[in-house]
Amino acid sequence: MVHEEYKEMLSAHSLAALDREAEHALNAHLSECAICREELDQWNASAAALALAANPAEPAPTVRERILDQIRAEAQNAQPESSKIVAGPQVLPFKQHPRNVWQSIGSLGAIAAVVIFAALLVS
């Protein structure tokens, strides 16, 4: 690539909008080109200033409800009739493995050994 092509990629890089290959190529160029590094710093400063200057906006509550209703409708249409979503939360419990008493005792023994060793070092 020529130098001008790399310069065109700097703005996209400051917004994290490059694909992996282009980013690797640009990083290799940046390791050798001080002019592009300086310009990238300016682009990064501009992107940071824009991000900090933006006023947060919160959508109306009706927008949230419309989005959630649409998600629920799409979820019900995507599933076969026999497995429609049941009203209410569906919580699946985690499998609890039986505790290994010997492993717990071994851990306590290791902790005790470290404490004793530290006490011996201090004394």
PDB file of N, CA and C in Angstrom:
ATOM      1  N   MET A   1       0.835  -1.176   0.000  1.00  0.00           N
ATOM      2  CA  MET A   1       0.000   0.000   0.000  1.00  0.00           C
ATOM      3  C   MET A   1       0.883   1.243   0.000  1.00  0.00           C
ATOM      4  N   VAL A   2       0.322   2.309  -0.512  1.00  0.00           N
ATOM      5  CA  VAL A   2       1.056   3.563  -0.512  1.00  0.00           C
ATOM      6  C   VAL A   2       0.694   4.364   0.731  1.00  0.00           C
ATOM      7  N   HIS A   3       1.510   5.362   1.006  1.00  0.00           N
ATOM      8  CA  HIS A   3       1.378   6.148   2.232  1.00  0.00           C
ATOM      9  C   HIS A   3      -0.008   6.796   2.336  1.00  0.00           C
ATOM     10  N   GLU A   4      -0.550   7.286   1.248  1.00  0.00           N
ATOM     11  CA  GLU A   4      -1.852   7.956   1.274  1.00  0.00           C
ATOM     12  C   GLU A   4      -2.975   6.995   1.678  1.00  0.00           C
ATOM     13  N   GLU A   5      -2.874   5.748   1.288  1.00  0.00           N
ATOM     14  CA  GLU A   5      -3.888   4.761   1.675  1.00  0.00           C
ATOM     15  C   GLU A   5      -3.870   4.529   3.184  1.00  0.00           C
ATOM     16  N   TYR A   6      -2.687   4.517   3.764  1.00  0.00           N
ATOM     17  CA  TYR A   6      -2.583   4.376   5.207  1.00  0.00           C
ATOM     18  C   TYR A   6      -3.178   5.594   5.913  1.00  0.00           C
ATOM     19  N   LYS A   7      -2.928   6.792   5.368  1.00  0.00           N
ATOM     20  CA  LYS A   7      -3.465   8.012   5.972  1.00  0.00           C
ATOM     21  C   LYS A   7      -4.986   7.998   5.960  1.00  0.00           C
ATOM     22  N   GLU A   8      -5.594   7.423   4.913  1.00  0.00           N
ATOM     23  CA  GLU A   8      -7.050   7.331   4.838  1.00  0.00           C
ATOM     24  C   GLU A   8      -7.601   6.359   5.885  1.00  0.00           C
ATOM     25  N   MET A   9      -6.808   5.419   6.310  1.00  0.00           N
ATOM     26  CA  MET A   9      -7.257   4.412   7.287  1.00  0.00           C
ATOM     27  C   MET A   9      -7.172   4.927   8.726  1.00  0.00           C
ATOM     28  N   LEU A  10      -6.491   6.035   8.966  1.00  0.00           N
ATOM     29  CA  LEU A  10      -6.265   6.503  10.330  1.00  0.00           C
ATOM     30  C   LEU A  10      -7.564   6.869  11.046  1.00  0.00           C
ATOM     31  N   SER A  11      -8.479   7.535  10.358  1.00  0.00           N
ATOM     32  CA  SER A  11      -9.731   7.924  11.008  1.00  0.00           C
ATOM     33  C   SER A  11     -10.553   6.691  11.393  1.00  0.00           C
ATOM     34  N   ALA A  12     -10.586   5.704  10.528  1.00  0.00           N
ATOM     35  CA  ALA A  12     -11.320   4.473  10.847  1.00  0.00           C
ATOM     36  C   ALA A  12     -10.658   3.735  12.004  1.00  0.00           C
ATOM     37  N   HIS A  13      -9.330   3.787  12.061  1.00  0.00           N
ATOM     38  CA  HIS A  13      -8.619   3.123  13.149  1.00  0.00           C
ATOM     39  C   HIS A  13      -8.931   3.785  14.489  1.00  0.00           C
ATOM     40  N   SER A  14      -9.038   5.113  14.502  1.00  0.00           N
ATOM     41  CA  SER A  14      -9.330   5.811  15.758  1.00  0.00           C
ATOM     42  C   SER A  14     -10.736   5.502  16.248  1.00  0.00           C
ATOM     43  N   LEU A  15     -11.622   5.068  15.366  1.00  0.00           N
ATOM     44  CA  LEU A  15     -12.989   4.683  15.752  1.00  0.00           C
ATOM     45  C   LEU A  15     -13.130   3.172  15.895  1.00  0.00           C
ATOM     46  N   ALA A  16     -12.025   2.434  15.806  1.00  0.00           N
ATOM     47  CA  ALA A  16     -12.012   0.968  15.889  1.00  0.00           C
ATOM     48  C   ALA A  16     -12.927   0.354  14.834  1.00  0.00           C
ATOM     49  N   ALA A  17     -12.824   0.866  13.612  1.00  0.00           N
ATOM     50  CA  ALA A  17     -13.704   0.404  12.541  1.00  0.00           C
ATOM     51  C   ALA A  17     -12.951  -0.318  11.427  1.00  0.00           C
ATOM     52  N   LEU A  18     -11.731  -0.735  11.682  1.00  0.00           N
ATOM     53  CA  LEU A  18     -10.968  -1.464  10.676  1.00  0.00           C
ATOM     54  C   LEU A  18     -11.106  -2.960  10.883  1.00  0.00           C
ATOM     55  N   ASP A  19     -11.052  -3.707   9.787  1.00  0.00           N
ATOM     56  CA  ASP A  19     -11.018  -5.155   9.951  1.00  0.00           C
ATOM     57  C   ASP A  19      -9.619  -5.570  10.388  1.00  0.00           C
ATOM     58  N   ARG A  20      -9.483  -6.815  10.748  1.00  0.00           N
ATOM     59  CA  ARG A  20      -8.244  -7.306  11.359  1.00  0.00           C
ATOM     60  C   ARG A  20      -7.038  -7.158  10.425  1.00  0.00           C
ATOM     61  N   GLU A  21      -7.219  -7.489   9.166  1.00  0.00           N
ATOM     62  CA  GLU A  21      -6.092  -7.426   8.230  1.00  0.00           C
ATOM     63  C   GLU A  21      -5.625  -5.991   8.018  1.00  0.00           C
ATOM     64  N   ALA A  22      -6.580  -5.077   7.840  1.00  0.00           N
ATOM     65  CA  ALA A  22      -6.223  -3.677   7.626  1.00  0.00           C
ATOM     66  C   ALA A  22      -5.564  -3.099   8.874  1.00  0.00           C
ATOM     67  N   GLU A  23      -6.040  -3.504  10.030  1.00  0.00           N
ATOM     68  CA  GLU A  23      -5.455  -3.008  11.272  1.00  0.00           C
ATOM     69  C   GLU A  23      -4.008  -3.484  11.429  1.00  0.00           C
ATOM     70  N   HIS A  24      -3.749  -4.744  11.093  1.00  0.00           N
ATOM     71  CA  HIS A  24      -2.375  -5.254  11.171  1.00  0.00           C
ATOM     72  C   HIS A  24      -1.466  -4.511  10.186  1.00  0.00           C
ATOM     73  N   ALA A  25      -1.964  -4.276   8.978  1.00  0.00           N
ATOM     74  CA  ALA A  25      -1.159  -3.557   7.986  1.00  0.00           C
ATOM     75  C   ALA A  25      -0.879  -2.134   8.455  1.00  0.00           C
ATOM     76  N   LEU A  26      -1.912  -1.463   9.013  1.00  0.00           N
ATOM     77  CA  LEU A  26      -1.716  -0.097   9.484  1.00  0.00           C
ATOM     78  C   LEU A  26      -0.774  -0.060  10.676  1.00  0.00           C
ATOM     79  N   ASN A  27      -0.882  -1.005  11.598  1.00  0.00           N
ATOM     80  CA  ASN A  27       0.026  -1.042  12.745  1.00  0.00           C
ATOM     81  C   ASN A  27       1.472  -1.236  12.306  1.00  0.00           C
ATOM     82  N   ALA A  28       1.686  -2.047  11.290  1.00  0.00           N
ATOM     83  CA  ALA A  28       3.036  -2.236  10.771  1.00  0.00           C
ATOM     84  C   ALA A  28       3.555  -0.925  10.179  1.00  0.00           C
ATOM     85  N   HIS A  29       2.691  -0.206   9.486  1.00  0.00           N
ATOM     86  CA  HIS A  29       3.095   1.082   8.914  1.00  0.00           C
ATOM     87  C   HIS A  29       3.351   2.104  10.019  1.00  0.00           C
ATOM     88  N   LEU A  30       2.517   2.100  11.054  1.00  0.00           N
ATOM     89  CA  LEU A  30       2.675   3.062  12.146  1.00  0.00           C
ATOM     90  C   LEU A  30       3.980   2.850  12.905  1.00  0.00           C
ATOM     91  N   SER A  31       4.466   1.625  12.944  1.00  0.00           N
ATOM     92  CA  SER A  31       5.727   1.375  13.641  1.00  0.00           C
ATOM     93  C   SER A  31       6.905   2.031  12.926  1.00  0.00           C
ATOM     94  N   GLU A  32       6.716   2.380  11.647  1.00  0.00           N
ATOM     95  CA  GLU A  32       7.797   2.970  10.867  1.00  0.00           C
ATOM     96  C   GLU A  32       7.565   4.442  10.520  1.00  0.00           C
ATOM     97  N   CYS A  33       6.331   4.938  10.628  1.00  0.00           N
ATOM     98  CA  CYS A  33       6.009   6.274  10.125  1.00  0.00           C
ATOM     99  C   CYS A  33       5.588   7.203  11.265  1.00  0.00           C
ATOM    100  N   ALA A  34       6.446   8.155  11.606  1.00  0.00           N
ATOM    101  CA  ALA A  34       6.162   9.100  12.686  1.00  0.00           C
ATOM    102  C   ALA A  34       5.058  10.073  12.297  1.00  0.00           C
ATOM    103  N   ILE A  35       4.958  10.430  11.041  1.00  0.00           N
ATOM    104  CA  ILE A  35       3.930  11.366  10.585  1.00  0.00           C
ATOM    105  C   ILE A  35       2.541  10.771  10.810  1.00  0.00           C
ATOM    106  N   CYS A  36       2.362   9.514  10.445  1.00  0.00           N
ATOM    107  CA  CYS A  36       1.069   8.857  10.621  1.00  0.00           C
ATOM    108  C   CYS A  36       0.764   8.647  12.103  1.00  0.00           C
ATOM    109  N   ARG A  37       1.779   8.365  12.908  1.00  0.00           N
ATOM    110  CA  ARG A  37       1.551   8.215  14.361  1.00  0.00           C
ATOM    111  C   ARG A  37       1.039   9.523  14.949  1.00  0.00           C
ATOM    112  N   GLU A  38       1.632  10.639  14.522  1.00  0.00           N
ATOM    113  CA  GLU A  38       1.205  11.948  15.018  1.00  0.00           C
ATOM    114  C   GLU A  38      -0.226  12.254  14.581  1.00  0.00           C
ATOM    115  N   GLU A  39      -0.539  11.951  13.327  1.00  0.00           N
ATOM    116  CA  GLU A  39      -1.891  12.194  12.835  1.00  0.00           C
ATOM    117  C   GLU A  39      -2.899  11.285  13.529  1.00  0.00           C
ATOM    118  N   LEU A  40      -2.502  10.044  13.815  1.00  0.00           N
ATOM    119  CA  LEU A  40      -3.387   9.141  14.543  1.00  0.00           C
ATOM    120  C   LEU A  40      -3.663   9.661  15.948  1.00  0.00           C
ATOM    121  N   ASP A  41      -2.657  10.228  16.591  1.00  0.00           N
ATOM    122  CA  ASP A  41      -2.874  10.822  17.913  1.00  0.00           C
ATOM    123  C   ASP A  41      -3.910  11.941  17.837  1.00  0.00           C
ATOM    124  N   GLN A  42      -3.867  12.733  16.784  1.00  0.00           N
ATOM    125  CA  GLN A  42      -4.847  13.806  16.613  1.00  0.00           C
ATOM    126  C   GLN A  42      -6.244  13.239  16.391  1.00  0.00           C
ATOM    127  N   TRP A  43      -6.345  12.182  15.573  1.00  0.00           N
ATOM    128  CA  TRP A  43      -7.641  11.541  15.350  1.00  0.00           C
ATOM    129  C   TRP A  43      -8.185  10.948  16.650  1.00  0.00           C
ATOM    130  N   ASN A  44      -7.310  10.303  17.429  1.00  0.00           N
ATOM    131  CA  ASN A  44      -7.750   9.729  18.712  1.00  0.00           C
ATOM    132  C   ASN A  44      -8.223  10.812  19.669  1.00  0.00           C
ATOM    133  N   ALA A  45      -7.532  11.947  19.709  1.00  0.00           N
ATOM    134  CA  ALA A  45      -7.943  13.050  20.569  1.00  0.00           C
ATOM    135  C   ALA A  45      -9.303  13.591  20.133  1.00  0.00           C
ATOM    136  N   SER A  46      -9.514  13.692  18.829  1.00  0.00           N
ATOM    137  CA  SER A  46     -10.803  14.171  18.321  1.00  0.00           C
ATOM    138  C   SER A  46     -11.921  13.201  18.663  1.00  0.00           C
ATOM    139  N   ALA A  47     -11.670  11.916  18.498  1.00  0.00           N
ATOM    140  CA  ALA A  47     -12.691  10.914  18.813  1.00  0.00           C
ATOM    141  C   ALA A  47     -13.023  10.931  20.296  1.00  0.00           C
ATOM    142  N   ALA A  48     -12.013  11.093  21.143  1.00  0.00           N
ATOM    143  CA  ALA A  48     -12.254  11.154  22.590  1.00  0.00           C
ATOM    144  C   ALA A  48     -13.040  12.399  22.958  1.00  0.00           C
ATOM    145  N   ALA A  49     -12.711  13.536  22.331  1.00  0.00           N
ATOM    146  CA  ALA A  49     -13.439  14.773  22.614  1.00  0.00           C
ATOM    147  C   ALA A  49     -14.901  14.652  22.202  1.00  0.00           C
ATOM    148  N   LEU A  50     -15.153  14.027  21.069  1.00  0.00           N
ATOM    149  CA  LEU A  50     -16.542  13.824  20.633  1.00  0.00           C
ATOM    150  C   LEU A  50     -17.302  12.921  21.589  1.00  0.00           C
ATOM    151  N   ALA A  51     -16.647  11.870  22.050  1.00  0.00           N
ATOM    152  CA  ALA A  51     -17.311  10.937  22.960  1.00  0.00           C
ATOM    153  C   ALA A  51     -17.649  11.613  24.282  1.00  0.00           C
ATOM    154  N   LEU A  52     -16.751  12.473  24.768  1.00  0.00           N
ATOM    155  CA  LEU A  52     -16.993  13.145  26.040  1.00  0.00           C
ATOM    156  C   LEU A  52     -17.959  14.310  25.908  1.00  0.00           C
ATOM    157  N   ALA A  53     -18.066  14.888  24.725  1.00  0.00           N
ATOM    158  CA  ALA A  53     -18.933  16.049  24.532  1.00  0.00           C
ATOM    159  C   ALA A  53     -20.387  15.662  24.303  1.00  0.00           C
ATOM    160  N   ALA A  54     -20.636  14.436  23.965  1.00  0.00           N
ATOM    161  CA  ALA A  54     -22.003  14.011  23.657  1.00  0.00           C
ATOM    162  C   ALA A  54     -22.855  13.984  24.918  1.00  0.00           C
ATOM    163  N   ASN A  55     -24.058  14.511  24.795  1.00  0.00           N
ATOM    164  CA  ASN A  55     -25.001  14.452  25.911  1.00  0.00           C
ATOM    165  C   ASN A  55     -25.751  13.133  25.848  1.00  0.00           C
ATOM    166  N   PRO A  56     -25.805  12.422  26.962  1.00  0.00           N
ATOM    167  CA  PRO A  56     -26.522  11.151  26.933  1.00  0.00           C
ATOM    168  C   PRO A  56     -28.014  11.390  26.705  1.00  0.00           C
ATOM    169  N   ALA A  57     -28.591  10.591  25.866  1.00  0.00           N
ATOM    170  CA  ALA A  57     -30.019  10.699  25.569  1.00  0.00           C
ATOM    171  C   ALA A  57     -30.691   9.390  25.924  1.00  0.00           C
ATOM    172  N   GLU A  58     -31.831   9.514  26.551  1.00  0.00           N
ATOM    173  CA  GLU A  58     -32.579   8.321  26.943  1.00  0.00           C
ATOM    174  C   GLU A  58     -33.875   8.286  26.149  1.00  0.00           C
ATOM    175  N   PRO A  59     -34.176   7.165  25.512  1.00  0.00           N
ATOM    176  CA  PRO A  59     -35.407   7.100  24.719  1.00  0.00           C
ATOM    177  C   PRO A  59     -36.642   7.105  25.620  1.00  0.00           C
ATOM    178  N   ALA A  60     -37.758   7.405  25.023  1.00  0.00           N
ATOM    179  CA  ALA A  60     -39.021   7.418  25.759  1.00  0.00           C
ATOM    180  C   ALA A  60     -39.356   5.993  26.218  1.00  0.00           C
ATOM    181  N   PRO A  61     -40.075   5.851  27.331  1.00  0.00           N
ATOM    182  CA  PRO A  61     -40.427   4.508  27.815  1.00  0.00           C
ATOM    183  C   PRO A  61     -41.237   3.703  26.806  1.00  0.00           C
ATOM    184  N   THR A  62     -42.009   4.365  25.966  1.00  0.00           N
ATOM    185  CA  THR A  62     -42.800   3.629  24.973  1.00  0.00           C
ATOM    186  C   THR A  62     -41.907   2.951  23.942  1.00  0.00           C
ATOM    187  N   VAL A  63     -40.752   3.555  23.654  1.00  0.00           N
ATOM    188  CA  VAL A  63     -39.817   2.950  22.697  1.00  0.00           C
ATOM    189  C   VAL A  63     -39.294   1.633  23.251  1.00  0.00           C
ATOM    190  N   ARG A  64     -38.938   1.625  24.528  1.00  0.00           N
ATOM    191  CA  ARG A  64     -38.443   0.396  25.168  1.00  0.00           C
ATOM    192  C   ARG A  64     -39.498  -0.702  25.116  1.00  0.00           C
ATOM    193  N   GLU A  65     -40.736  -0.354  25.414  1.00  0.00           N
ATOM    194  CA  GLU A  65     -41.807  -1.358  25.401  1.00  0.00           C
ATOM    195  C   GLU A  65     -42.060  -1.890  23.995  1.00  0.00           C
ATOM    196  N   ARG A  66     -42.011  -1.015  22.984  1.00  0.00           N
ATOM    197  CA  ARG A  66     -42.211  -1.489  21.606  1.00  0.00           C
ATOM    198  C   ARG A  66     -41.105  -2.454  21.201  1.00  0.00           C
ATOM    199  N   ILE A  67     -39.872  -2.146  21.586  1.00  0.00           N
ATOM    200  CA  ILE A  67     -38.750  -3.024  21.243  1.00  0.00           C
ATOM    201  C   ILE A  67     -38.917  -4.373  21.926  1.00  0.00           C
ATOM    202  N   LEU A  68     -39.245  -4.364  23.217  1.00  0.00           N
ATOM    203  CA  LEU A  68     -39.428  -5.624  23.944  1.00  0.00           C
ATOM    204  C   LEU A  68     -40.594  -6.424  23.381  1.00  0.00           C
ATOM    205  N   ASP A  69     -41.693  -5.762  23.007  1.00  0.00           N
ATOM    206  CA  ASP A  69     -42.832  -6.471  22.410  1.00  0.00           C
ATOM    207  C   ASP A  69     -42.447  -7.117  21.088  1.00  0.00           C
ATOM    208  N   GLN A  70     -41.653  -6.408  20.294  1.00  0.00           N
ATOM    209  CA  GLN A  70     -41.213  -6.958  19.017  1.00  0.00           C
ATOM    210  C   GLN A  70     -40.293  -8.160  19.226  1.00  0.00           C
ATOM    211  N   ILE A  71     -39.411  -8.082  20.220  1.00  0.00           N
ATOM    212  CA  ILE A  71     -38.520  -9.202  20.515  1.00  0.00           C
ATOM    213  C   ILE A  71     -39.325 -10.416  20.947  1.00  0.00           C
ATOM    214  N   ARG A  72     -40.308 -10.206  21.810  1.00  0.00           N
ATOM    215  CA  ARG A  72     -41.148 -11.330  22.260  1.00  0.00           C
ATOM    216  C   ARG A  72     -41.900 -11.953  21.097  1.00  0.00           C
ATOM    217  N   ALA A  73     -42.443 -11.108  20.206  1.00  0.00           N
ATOM    218  CA  ALA A  73     -43.193 -11.625  19.057  1.00  0.00           C
ATOM    219  C   ALA A  73     -42.290 -12.421  18.123  1.00  0.00           C
ATOM    220  N   GLU A  74     -41.083 -11.918  17.876  1.00  0.00           N
ATOM    221  CA  GLU A  74     -40.152 -12.641  17.013  1.00  0.00           C
ATOM    222  C   GLU A  74     -39.720 -13.959  17.642  1.00  0.00           C
ATOM    223  N   ALA A  75     -39.542 -13.969  18.957  1.00  0.00           N
ATOM    224  CA  ALA A  75     -39.137 -15.195  19.639  1.00  0.00           C
ATOM    225  C   ALA A  75     -40.242 -16.245  19.552  1.00  0.00           C
ATOM    226  N   GLN A  76     -41.486 -15.820  19.683  1.00  0.00           N
ATOM    227  CA  GLN A  76     -42.592 -16.777  19.606  1.00  0.00           C
ATOM    228  C   GLN A  76     -42.781 -17.293  18.194  1.00  0.00           C
ATOM    229  N   ASN A  77     -42.562 -16.452  17.190  1.00  0.00           N
ATOM    230  CA  ASN A  77     -42.709 -16.887  15.799  1.00  0.00           C
ATOM    231  C   ASN A  77     -41.567 -17.783  15.365  1.00  0.00           C
ATOM    232  N   ALA A  78     -40.414 -17.656  15.977  1.00  0.00           N
ATOM    233  CA  ALA A  78     -39.246 -18.436  15.583  1.00  0.00           C
ATOM    234  C   ALA A  78     -39.288 -19.858  16.130  1.00  0.00           C
ATOM    235  N   GLN A  79     -40.070 -20.092  17.179  1.00  0.00           N
ATOM    236  CA  GLN A  79     -40.107 -21.418  17.793  1.00  0.00           C
ATOM    237  C   GLN A  79     -41.275 -22.226  17.235  1.00  0.00           C
ATOM    238  N   PRO A  80     -41.111 -23.557  17.172  1.00  0.00           N
ATOM    239  CA  PRO A  80     -42.220 -24.402  16.748  1.00  0.00           C
ATOM    240  C   PRO A  80     -43.365 -24.312  17.758  1.00  0.00           C
ATOM    241  N   GLU A  81     -44.548 -24.679  17.314  1.00  0.00           N
ATOM    242  CA  GLU A  81     -45.755 -24.557  18.133  1.00  0.00           C
ATOM    243  C   GLU A  81     -45.654 -25.324  19.446  1.00  0.00           C
ATOM    244  N   SER A  82     -44.943 -26.443  19.460  1.00  0.00           N
ATOM    245  CA  SER A  82     -44.875 -27.269  20.661  1.00  0.00           C
ATOM    246  C   SER A  82     -43.985 -26.677  21.745  1.00  0.00           C
ATOM    247  N   SER A  83     -43.132 -25.724  21.378  1.00  0.00           N
ATOM    248  CA  SER A  83     -42.217 -25.184  22.380  1.00  0.00           C
ATOM    249  C   SER A  83     -42.352 -23.668  22.501  1.00  0.00           C
ATOM    250  N   LYS A  84     -43.569 -23.170  22.498  1.00  0.00           N
ATOM    251  CA  LYS A  84     -43.807 -21.731  22.651  1.00  0.00           C
ATOM    252  C   LYS A  84     -43.334 -21.280  24.025  1.00  0.00           C
ATOM    253  N   ILE A  85     -42.970 -20.014  24.127  1.00  0.00           N
ATOM    254  CA  ILE A  85     -42.465 -19.458  25.381  1.00  0.00           C
ATOM    255  C   ILE A  85     -43.602 -19.405  26.397  1.00  0.00           C
ATOM    256  N   VAL A  86     -43.320 -19.907  27.575  1.00  0.00           N
ATOM    257  CA  VAL A  86     -44.283 -19.900  28.663  1.00  0.00           C
ATOM    258  C   VAL A  86     -44.125 -18.593  29.414  1.00  0.00           C
ATOM    259  N   ALA A  87     -45.245 -18.027  29.867  1.00  0.00           N
ATOM    260  CA  ALA A  87     -45.174 -16.764  30.600  1.00  0.00           C
ATOM    261  C   ALA A  87     -44.384 -16.957  31.887  1.00  0.00           C
ATOM    262  N   GLY A  88     -43.586 -15.985  32.219  1.00  0.00           N
ATOM    263  CA  GLY A  88     -42.797 -16.042  33.442  1.00  0.00           C
ATOM    264  C   GLY A  88     -41.381 -16.494  33.162  1.00  0.00           C
ATOM    265  N   PRO A  89     -40.525 -16.263  34.112  1.00  0.00           N
ATOM    266  CA  PRO A  89     -39.116 -16.628  33.920  1.00  0.00           C
ATOM    267  C   PRO A  89     -38.901 -18.134  33.986  1.00  0.00           C
ATOM    268  N   GLN A  90     -37.956 -18.586  33.220  1.00  0.00           N
ATOM    269  CA  GLN A  90     -37.583 -19.992  33.239  1.00  0.00           C
ATOM    270  C   GLN A  90     -36.145 -20.059  33.732  1.00  0.00           C
ATOM    271  N   VAL A  91     -35.953 -20.553  34.934  1.00  0.00           N
ATOM    272  CA  VAL A  91     -34.641 -20.598  35.547  1.00  0.00           C
ATOM    273  C   VAL A  91     -34.177 -22.038  35.614  1.00  0.00           C
ATOM    274  N   LEU A  92     -32.989 -22.280  35.111  1.00  0.00           N
ATOM    275  CA  LEU A  92     -32.408 -23.613  35.173  1.00  0.00           C
ATOM    276  C   LEU A  92     -31.358 -23.620  36.275  1.00  0.00           C
ATOM    277  N   PRO A  93     -31.443 -24.555  37.220  1.00  0.00           N
ATOM    278  CA  PRO A  93     -30.463 -24.575  38.307  1.00  0.00           C
ATOM    279  C   PRO A  93     -29.120 -25.124  37.817  1.00  0.00           C
ATOM    280  N   PHE A  94     -28.046 -24.638  38.423  1.00  0.00           N
ATOM    281  CA  PHE A  94     -26.723 -25.166  38.142  1.00  0.00           C
ATOM    282  C   PHE A  94     -26.574 -26.519  38.807  1.00  0.00           C
ATOM    283  N   LYS A  95     -25.806 -27.395  38.179  1.00  0.00           N
ATOM    284  CA  LYS A  95     -25.490 -28.669  38.817  1.00  0.00           C
ATOM    285  C   LYS A  95     -24.515 -28.408  39.947  1.00  0.00           C
ATOM    286  N   GLN A  96     -24.816 -28.953  41.089  1.00  0.00           N
ATOM    287  CA  GLN A  96     -23.903 -28.802  42.212  1.00  0.00           C
ATOM    288  C   GLN A  96     -23.160 -30.117  42.392  1.00  0.00           C
ATOM    289  N   HIS A  97     -21.857 -30.017  42.253  1.00  0.00           N
ATOM    290  CA  HIS A  97     -21.023 -31.192  42.409  1.00  0.00           C
ATOM    291  C   HIS A  97     -20.781 -31.429  43.896  1.00  0.00           C
ATOM    292  N   PRO A  98     -20.695 -32.694  44.316  1.00  0.00           N
ATOM    293  CA  PRO A  98     -20.422 -32.956  45.731  1.00  0.00           C
ATOM    294  C   PRO A  98     -19.048 -32.424  46.117  1.00  0.00           C
ATOM    295  N   ARG A  99     -18.959 -31.906  47.330  1.00  0.00           N
ATOM    296  CA  ARG A  99     -17.703 -31.338  47.808  1.00  0.00           C
ATOM    297  C   ARG A  99     -16.722 -32.447  48.157  1.00  0.00           C
ATOM    298  N   ASN A 100     -15.496 -32.261  47.820  1.00  0.00           N
ATOM    299  CA  ASN A 100     -14.444 -33.201  48.132  1.00  0.00           C
ATOM    300  C   ASN A 100     -13.778 -32.732  49.431  1.00  0.00           C
ATOM    301  N   VAL A 101     -14.016 -33.455  50.512  1.00  0.00           N
ATOM    302  CA  VAL A 101     -13.506 -33.064  51.823  1.00  0.00           C
ATOM    303  C   VAL A 101     -11.985 -33.070  51.833  1.00  0.00           C
ATOM    304  N   TRP A 102     -11.372 -34.036  51.170  1.00  0.00           N
ATOM    305  CA  TRP A 102      -9.916 -34.135  51.188  1.00  0.00           C
ATOM    306  C   TRP A 102      -9.271 -32.958  50.473  1.00  0.00           C
ATOM    307  N   GLN A 103      -9.916 -32.481  49.430  1.00  0.00           N
ATOM    308  CA  GLN A 103      -9.372 -31.330  48.721  1.00  0.00           C
ATOM    309  C   GLN A 103      -9.442 -30.086  49.608  1.00  0.00           C
ATOM    310  N   SER A 104     -10.519 -29.931  50.374  1.00  0.00           N
ATOM    311  CA  SER A 104     -10.645 -28.792  51.282  1.00  0.00           C
ATOM    312  C   SER A 104      -9.586 -28.847  52.368  1.00  0.00           C
ATOM    313  N   ILE A 105      -9.350 -30.031  52.903  1.00  0.00           N
ATOM    314  CA  ILE A 105      -8.334 -30.189  53.942  1.00  0.00           C
ATOM    315  C   ILE A 105      -6.951 -29.892  53.374  1.00  0.00           C
ATOM    316  N   GLY A 106      -6.706 -30.344  52.151  1.00  0.00           N
ATOM    317  CA  GLY A 106      -5.425 -30.068  51.502  1.00  0.00           C
ATOM    318  C   GLY A 106      -5.220 -28.577  51.284  1.00  0.00           C
ATOM    319  N   SER A 107      -6.274 -27.867  50.914  1.00  0.00           N
ATOM    320  CA  SER A 107      -6.169 -26.420  50.722  1.00  0.00           C
ATOM    321  C   SER A 107      -5.871 -25.729  52.040  1.00  0.00           C
ATOM    322  N   LEU A 108      -6.539 -26.150  53.102  1.00  0.00           N
ATOM    323  CA  LEU A 108      -6.281 -25.555  54.409  1.00  0.00           C
ATOM    324  C   LEU A 108      -4.853 -25.844  54.866  1.00  0.00           C
ATOM    325  N   GLY A 109      -4.373 -27.035  54.584  1.00  0.00           N
ATOM    326  CA  GLY A 109      -2.999 -27.385  54.940  1.00  0.00           C
ATOM    327  C   GLY A 109      -1.994 -26.521  54.189  1.00  0.00           C
ATOM    328  N   ALA A 110      -2.265 -26.253  52.921  1.00  0.00           N
ATOM    329  CA  ALA A 110      -1.365 -25.405  52.132  1.00  0.00           C
ATOM    330  C   ALA A 110      -1.353 -23.982  52.680  1.00  0.00           C
ATOM    331  N   ILE A 111      -2.513 -23.477  53.061  1.00  0.00           N
ATOM    332  CA  ILE A 111      -2.593 -22.131  53.637  1.00  0.00           C
ATOM    333  C   ILE A 111      -1.832 -22.081  54.959  1.00  0.00           C
ATOM    334  N   ALA A 112      -2.007 -23.108  55.777  1.00  0.00           N
ATOM    335  CA  ALA A 112      -1.307 -23.148  57.057  1.00  0.00           C
ATOM    336  C   ALA A 112       0.206 -23.200  56.837  1.00  0.00           C
ATOM    337  N   ALA A 113       0.649 -23.951  55.855  1.00  0.00           N
ATOM    338  CA  ALA A 113       2.080 -24.047  55.573  1.00  0.00           C
ATOM    339  C   ALA A 113       2.639 -22.693  55.145  1.00  0.00           C
ATOM    340  N   VAL A 114       1.907 -21.951  54.352  1.00  0.00           N
ATOM    341  CA  VAL A 114       2.356 -20.632  53.916  1.00  0.00           C
ATOM    342  C   VAL A 114       2.439 -19.686  55.104  1.00  0.00           C
ATOM    343  N   VAL A 115       1.456 -19.723  55.988  1.00  0.00           N
ATOM    344  CA  VAL A 115       1.463 -18.854  57.174  1.00  0.00           C
ATOM    345  C   VAL A 115       2.651 -19.191  58.060  1.00  0.00           C
ATOM    346  N   ILE A 116       2.909 -20.481  58.292  1.00  0.00           N
ATOM    347  CA  ILE A 116       4.035 -20.890  59.115  1.00  0.00           C
ATOM    348  C   ILE A 116       5.353 -20.469  58.476  1.00  0.00           C
ATOM    349  N   PHE A 117       5.466 -20.644  57.166  1.00  0.00           N
ATOM    350  CA  PHE A 117       6.689 -20.248  56.462  1.00  0.00           C
ATOM    351  C   PHE A 117       6.919 -18.749  56.574  1.00  0.00           C
ATOM    352  N   ALA A 118       5.840 -17.959  56.419  1.00  0.00           N
ATOM    353  CA  ALA A 118       5.962 -16.493  56.540  1.00  0.00           C
ATOM    354  C   ALA A 118       6.375 -16.115  57.954  1.00  0.00           C
ATOM    355  N   ALA A 119       5.828 -16.812  58.958  1.00  0.00           N
ATOM    356  CA  ALA A 119       6.181 -16.519  60.356  1.00  0.00           C
ATOM    357  C   ALA A 119       7.652 -16.839  60.602  1.00  0.00           C
ATOM    358  N   LEU A 120       8.154 -17.926  60.024  1.00  0.00           N
ATOM    359  CA  LEU A 120       9.552 -18.282  60.182  1.00  0.00           C
ATOM    360  C   LEU A 120      10.464 -17.273  59.506  1.00  0.00           C
ATOM    361  N   LEU A 121      10.048 -16.760  58.372  1.00  0.00           N
ATOM    362  CA  LEU A 121      10.852 -15.758  57.679  1.00  0.00           C
ATOM    363  C   LEU A 121      10.921 -14.464  58.481  1.00  0.00           C
ATOM    364  N   VAL A 122       9.822 -14.084  59.090  1.00  0.00           N
ATOM    365  CA  VAL A 122       9.780 -12.834  59.855  1.00  0.00           C
ATOM    366  C   VAL A 122      10.627 -12.966  61.115  1.00  0.00           C
ATOM    367  N   SER A 123      10.559 -14.125  61.742  1.00  0.00           N
ATOM    368  CA  SER A 123      11.313 -14.303  62.977  1.00  0.00           C
ATOM    369  C   SER A 123      12.764 -14.552  62.657  1.00  0.00           C
TER     370      SER A 123
END
